[in-house]
Amino acid sequence: MLLNAEKAAKVSDLDELYYLFELGKPLALKDPVHKASHHPIAKSMRLTTLPRLEKAQLFSEVDKVYEEALI
């Protein structure tokens, strides 16, 4: 989906494609996932599913889904 200036909050002449995610309400996991890297921020991002997230105890154990979206 090509973002328009209103959604991107910025005007651009580039023809690159970007993903726009609409986030739902936050949820609390029964058990926390530990040791997520925060530097750089891209290393703390994983697209996954809730069942896969609930199985992980460490961030490195979170299975990646749709990894091509984070290129």
Protein backbone atom coordinates (compact mmCIF):
# COMPACT_ATOMS: atom_id res chain seq x y z
CA MET A 1 0.00 0.00 0.00
CA LEU A 2 1.41 3.35 -0.95
CA LEU A 3 0.99 5.74 1.96
CA ASN A 4 -0.48 9.11 1.23
CA ALA A 5 0.79 12.28 2.89
CA GLU A 6 -2.05 12.28 5.41
CA LYS A 7 -1.26 8.77 6.69
CA ALA A 8 2.51 9.22 6.51
CA ALA A 9 2.40 12.73 8.00
CA LYS A 10 5.01 13.60 5.38
CA VAL A 11 5.04 14.49 1.68
CA SER A 12 7.28 12.37 -0.54
CA ASP A 13 7.76 11.78 -4.27
CA LEU A 14 9.27 8.31 -3.76
CA ASP A 15 7.53 5.28 -5.28
CA GLU A 16 8.71 2.88 -2.56
CA LEU A 17 6.10 0.66 -0.92
CA TYR A 18 5.60 0.65 2.83
CA TYR A 19 3.43 -1.34 5.23
CA LEU A 20 0.88 0.36 7.42
CA PHE A 21 -0.11 -1.58 10.53
CA GLU A 22 -3.11 -0.78 12.65
CA LEU A 23 -2.46 -1.97 16.18
CA GLY A 24 -5.21 -3.32 18.37
CA LYS A 25 -5.53 -3.06 22.12
CA PRO A 26 -2.43 -4.04 24.11
CA LEU A 27 -2.47 -7.35 25.92
CA ALA A 28 -0.61 -8.73 28.89
CA LEU A 29 1.20 -12.02 28.47
CA LYS A 30 0.85 -14.60 31.22
CA ASP A 31 4.64 -15.00 31.24
CA PRO A 32 6.99 -12.21 30.13
CA VAL A 33 9.48 -12.56 27.28
CA HIS A 34 12.96 -11.57 28.44
CA LYS A 35 16.17 -10.24 26.90
CA ALA A 36 14.86 -8.20 23.98
CA SER A 37 17.51 -5.97 22.43
CA HIS A 38 16.59 -2.30 22.20
CA HIS A 39 19.61 -1.01 20.27
CA PRO A 40 19.06 -0.68 17.37
CA ILE A 41 15.28 -0.68 17.65
CA ALA A 42 14.95 -2.87 14.52
CA LYS A 43 16.43 -5.78 16.50
CA SER A 44 13.56 -5.57 19.00
CA MET A 45 10.91 -6.04 16.32
CA ARG A 46 9.44 -9.41 15.38
CA LEU A 47 6.26 -10.10 13.48
CA THR A 48 4.85 -13.26 14.99
CA THR A 49 1.62 -14.81 16.16
CA LEU A 50 0.20 -14.81 19.66
CA PRO A 51 0.53 -18.62 20.09
CA ARG A 52 4.21 -18.43 19.08
CA LEU A 53 4.80 -15.50 21.41
CA GLU A 54 3.19 -17.31 24.33
CA LYS A 55 5.60 -20.25 23.87
CA ALA A 56 8.75 -18.08 24.13
CA GLN A 57 10.59 -17.24 27.31
CA LEU A 58 13.47 -15.39 25.64
CA PHE A 59 13.14 -12.92 22.79
CA SER A 60 15.55 -15.01 20.71
CA GLU A 61 12.99 -17.85 20.89
CA VAL A 62 10.20 -15.81 19.30
CA ASP A 63 9.56 -17.36 15.88
CA LYS A 64 9.62 -14.87 13.04
CA VAL A 65 6.59 -14.69 10.76
CA TYR A 66 6.39 -12.43 7.70
CA GLU A 67 10.08 -11.53 8.06
CA GLU A 68 10.08 -10.01 4.55
CA ALA A 69 7.94 -7.16 5.91
CA LEU A 70 10.86 -5.99 8.07
CA ILE A 71 13.38 -5.60 5.24
